[in-house]
C-alpha atoms as a PDB file:
ATOM      1  CA  MET A   1      18.846  -5.747  -6.718  1.00  0.00           C
ATOM      2  CA  THR A   2      17.317  -5.570  -3.360  1.00  0.00           C
ATOM      3  CA  ILE A   3      13.765  -6.701  -2.009  1.00  0.00           C
ATOM      4  CA  LYS A   4      12.173  -4.480   0.647  1.00  0.00           C
ATOM      5  CA  PRO A   5      11.478  -6.201   4.021  1.00  0.00           C
ATOM      6  CA  SER A   6       7.612  -5.868   3.448  1.00  0.00           C
ATOM      7  CA  ALA A   7       7.617  -7.301   0.188  1.00  0.00           C
ATOM      8  CA  GLU A   8       5.978 -10.732   0.164  1.00  0.00           C
ATOM      9  CA  VAL A   9       7.906 -12.703  -2.586  1.00  0.00           C
ATOM     10  CA  GLY A  10       8.582 -16.585  -2.500  1.00  0.00           C
ATOM     11  CA  GLU A  11      12.006 -18.467  -1.983  1.00  0.00           C
ATOM     12  CA  ALA A  12      12.536 -18.602  -5.757  1.00  0.00           C
ATOM     13  CA  VAL A  13      12.212 -15.216  -6.287  1.00  0.00           C
ATOM     14  CA  ARG A  14      14.641 -14.561  -3.600  1.00  0.00           C
ATOM     15  CA  HIS A  15      17.103 -17.297  -4.904  1.00  0.00           C
ATOM     16  CA  LEU A  16      16.774 -15.641  -8.464  1.00  0.00           C
ATOM     17  CA  LEU A  17      17.640 -12.097  -7.105  1.00  0.00           C
ATOM     18  CA  ALA A  18      20.291 -13.195  -4.653  1.00  0.00           C
ATOM     19  CA  GLU A  19      22.027 -16.000  -6.493  1.00  0.00           C
ATOM     20  CA  LYS A  20      21.440 -15.400 -10.193  1.00  0.00           C
ATOM     21  CA  ASP A  21      21.744 -11.339  -9.454  1.00  0.00           C
ATOM     22  CA  MET A  22      18.876 -10.920 -12.215  1.00  0.00           C
ATOM     23  CA  THR A  23      17.457  -7.489 -12.937  1.00  0.00           C
ATOM     24  CA  ASN A  24      13.552  -6.817 -13.021  1.00  0.00           C
ATOM     25  CA  GLU A  25      13.678  -7.290 -16.990  1.00  0.00           C
ATOM     26  CA  GLN A  26      15.507 -10.555 -16.652  1.00  0.00           C
ATOM     27  CA  MET A  27      13.016 -12.043 -14.278  1.00  0.00           C
ATOM     28  CA  ALA A  28      10.322 -10.668 -16.158  1.00  0.00           C
ATOM     29  CA  ASP A  29      11.515 -12.473 -19.349  1.00  0.00           C
ATOM     30  CA  ASP A  30      12.673 -15.596 -17.576  1.00  0.00           C
ATOM     31  CA  LEU A  31       9.220 -15.801 -15.848  1.00  0.00           C
ATOM     32  CA  ASN A  32       7.680 -14.892 -19.540  1.00  0.00           C
ATOM     33  CA  ILE A  33       5.890 -11.655 -18.543  1.00  0.00           C
ATOM     34  CA  SER A  34       6.062  -9.405 -20.880  1.00  0.00           C
ATOM     35  CA  LYS A  35       6.983  -5.588 -20.183  1.00  0.00           C
ATOM     36  CA  GLN A  36       3.787  -4.415 -21.900  1.00  0.00           C
ATOM     37  CA  LEU A  37       1.969  -6.592 -19.191  1.00  0.00           C
ATOM     38  CA  VAL A  38       4.095  -4.833 -16.431  1.00  0.00           C
ATOM     39  CA  ARG A  39       3.360  -1.563 -17.816  1.00  0.00           C
ATOM     40  CA  GLU A  40      -0.461  -2.140 -17.707  1.00  0.00           C
ATOM     41  CA  GLU A  41      -0.440  -3.504 -14.161  1.00  0.00           C
ATOM     42  CA  LYS A  42       1.426  -0.382 -13.119  1.00  0.00           C
ATOM     43  CA  GLU A  43      -1.088   1.599 -14.689  1.00  0.00           C
ATOM     44  CA  SER A  44      -3.751  -0.209 -13.201  1.00  0.00           C
ATOM     45  CA  ILE A  45      -2.041   0.190  -9.876  1.00  0.00           C
ATOM     46  CA  ALA A  46      -1.804   3.925 -10.452  1.00  0.00           C
ATOM     47  CA  GLN A  47      -5.513   4.213 -11.393  1.00  0.00           C
ATOM     48  CA  MET A  48      -6.517   2.363  -8.259  1.00  0.00           C
ATOM     49  CA  MET A  49      -4.282   4.801  -6.118  1.00  0.00           C
ATOM     50  CA  ASP A  50      -6.077   7.730  -7.455  1.00  0.00           C
ATOM     51  CA  LYS A  51      -9.535   6.468  -6.565  1.00  0.00           C
ATOM     52  CA  LEU A  52      -8.258   5.672  -2.913  1.00  0.00           C
ATOM     53  CA  LEU A  53      -6.946   9.062  -2.866  1.00  0.00           C
ATOM     54  CA  GLU A  54     -10.229  10.397  -3.903  1.00  0.00           C
ATOM     55  CA  ALA A  55     -12.109   8.789  -1.245  1.00  0.00           C
ATOM     56  CA  ARG A  56      -9.473   9.573   1.480  1.00  0.00           C
ATOM     57  CA  MET A  57     -10.037  13.482   0.514  1.00  0.00           C
ATOM     58  CA  PHE A  58     -14.159  12.543   0.536  1.00  0.00           C
ATOM     59  CA  ILE A  59     -13.506  11.177   3.903  1.00  0.00           C
ATOM     60  CA  ASP A  60     -11.192  13.824   5.308  1.00  0.00           C
ATOM     61  CA  ASN A  61     -13.410  16.708   4.003  1.00  0.00           C
ATOM     62  CA  PHE A  62     -16.772  14.911   5.610  1.00  0.00           C
ATOM     63  CA  MET A  63     -14.609  14.341   9.004  1.00  0.00           C
ATOM     64  CA  MET A  64     -13.936  18.065   9.170  1.00  0.00           C
ATOM     65  CA  ALA A  65     -17.452  18.958   8.500  1.00  0.00           C
ATOM     66  CA  ILE A  66     -18.794  16.428  11.198  1.00  0.00           C
ATOM     67  CA  GLU A  67     -16.122  17.853  13.549  1.00  0.00           C
ATOM     68  CA  ARG A  68     -17.236  21.364  12.894  1.00  0.00           C
ATOM     69  CA  ASP A  69     -20.883  21.017  12.805  1.00  0.00           C
ATOM     70  CA  TYR A  70     -21.385  18.722  15.769  1.00  0.00           C
ATOM     71  CA  GLY A  71     -18.244  19.904  17.785  1.00  0.00           C
ATOM     72  CA  ILE A  72     -16.850  16.631  18.332  1.00  0.00           C
ATOM     73  CA  PRO A  73     -12.781  16.970  18.302  1.00  0.00           C
ATOM     74  CA  MET A  74     -11.228  14.504  15.915  1.00  0.00           C
ATOM     75  CA  LYS A  75      -8.258  13.941  17.779  1.00  0.00           C
ATOM     76  CA  LYS A  76     -10.233  13.051  21.064  1.00  0.00           C
ATOM     77  CA  ARG A  77     -11.905  10.350  19.156  1.00  0.00           C
ATOM     78  CA  MET A  78      -8.555   9.350  17.329  1.00  0.00           C
ATOM     79  CA  ARG A  79      -6.717   9.006  20.809  1.00  0.00           C
ATOM     80  CA  ARG A  80      -9.597   6.660  22.137  1.00  0.00           C
ATOM     81  CA  LEU A  81      -9.409   4.421  18.876  1.00  0.00           C
ATOM     82  CA  VAL A  82      -5.555   4.359  19.101  1.00  0.00           C
ATOM     83  CA  LEU A  83      -5.703   2.536  22.414  1.00  0.00           C
ATOM     84  CA  GLN A  84      -8.494   0.323  21.224  1.00  0.00           C
ATOM     85  CA  TRP A  85      -6.294  -0.615  18.098  1.00  0.00           C
ATOM     86  CA  LYS A  86      -3.216  -1.170  20.049  1.00  0.00           C
ATOM     87  CA  ALA A  87      -5.124  -3.368  22.404  1.00  0.00           C
ATOM     88  CA  ASN A  88      -6.220  -5.507  19.498  1.00  0.00           C
ATOM     89  CA  ARG A  89      -2.594  -5.336  18.166  1.00  0.00           C
ATOM     90  CA  TRP A  90      -3.593  -3.633  15.124  1.00  0.00           C
ATOM     91  CA  LEU A  91      -0.690  -0.798  15.699  1.00  0.00           C
ATOM     92  CA  ALA A  92       2.519  -1.221  17.520  1.00  0.00           C
END
């Protein structure tokens, strides 16, 4: 099993995966994490993602309405903000 570079895991987990070649199920069993708990956590994360997507849709629709009603181009605002974000090193 491989770990994505963006994953934040400790050295112990890296060792178990690299040296012991453990699967997710084996690691969950070794760490005494039930499969049910993992499923419940995934469902909870999926529900949170749904709520974030709903919020994003609301914000996108609201931004389009503001752009239309006030004639302020969103792209122009984004260009200005991207420069600011890069200066703050929030973007590469």
